[in-house]
Amino acid sequence: MTQAEMAALTHHGGRIDAAKALFPEVAGPWLDLSTGINPVAWCPSEGLDVDAGPLPDRSTLARLETLAAVHFGVEAERVAAVPGSEMALRLLPLLGLGQPIVAVQPSYGTHGAVASARIDHSALDPWQGQGGSLLLANPNNPDGRYHARETLERLAEVQAAAGGWLILDEAFADAMPDPGFEGGERVVRLRSFGKFFGLAGVRLGFVIAAPAILSRLRDLLGDWPVSTHAIAWGSAAYADRQWIATTRIALVERAAALDAVLARHGLIAQGACSLFRMVETPEAPVIFARLAAVGILVRPFADAPERLRFGVPAEATELSRLDEALRHD
């Protein structure tokens, strides 16, 4: 495949449509392991009756934000719903935060798009703070690197002392046993609903920040920032504490099973996030093509051809299919 043909698959995960076009010889169903979205999605125990006719009610939006705040462990006045954390990322330059935005790379492509400067992860240990905003994903994508609370507290402290801000992209944090920290007045946190709950199509996320920042955000998004469906599904899901607790355990077990399969084929899994794993090998392009030829899509990277990211399979049969596809003589 040419670089142009691969571009659709390296821009972001989930491009089964592009994979089918590039590998038309695959006859059977595709197994999509190219995203970090929970493959076992939350669903209501009873059907949700959503009336999409009227505009969303402000009181139901407030209830959603309150339920999300409880889940995040913060006060409700510090939480605002947005139509996906991706949207929140793109609005960062408009929220009155310190400039420049410095993105810790490698990480999400959108981080690079909104930032005017970049640093490597190795620069965080000696980081002494600066007057702009430091943008950091935790857990990081694609390597799953996870910074402990103590590191985040130190970064928030030195940023605040320098008159700057710390922005934490916690899109995958719900899968972690300790999903973040409250932060301070100069900390902004972004959360995703769709990844952990397996409902990316709902397009729901949250910004956790000081009320003054959220006021600017609400002015930008208007009176109806998210849909009636997002409010209904998000509210019910965040209230389902049993599902959340059970799912965190199940994801760890699935990730361990994936690690074992990868290790059996000489691939060492990296990352602390139980929604995905990354491997580094000079054989990455060959492995990607071998898997795609039998209808298994993993995530390649244009700027790091030695890397592949594997989403966690939902079932043992899918794991066995991956195991068989990785075998070669």
Foldseek 3Di string as FASTA:
>chain_A
DDPVLCVVQAQAFDPVVSLCVVQVVADDAFAGFAHLAPPDFDDDPDDDDFDQPDADDPVLQLLLLCLVCVVVVHHSLQKHKALALLVVLQCVVVLPFFDQEEEADDARPSSVVRGPHYDHPVVLVVDQEAQEEYEYEALGPPQADHDDQVSVQVHLVSNVVRNHAYEYEQAQQLLDPNSYDLGDQRYKYKYGDCRLNVNVVQRMIMIGHPNSSVVSVCVVCDDRRHGSVSSRVSSSVSVCVVCSVVSSVVLQVLQVLLQVLCVVLVWHWGHDRSQKTKTFAPCQVVLQVLSSNNNYHWHAHPVRRRMTMTGGDDDPVVSVVSSVSSDDD
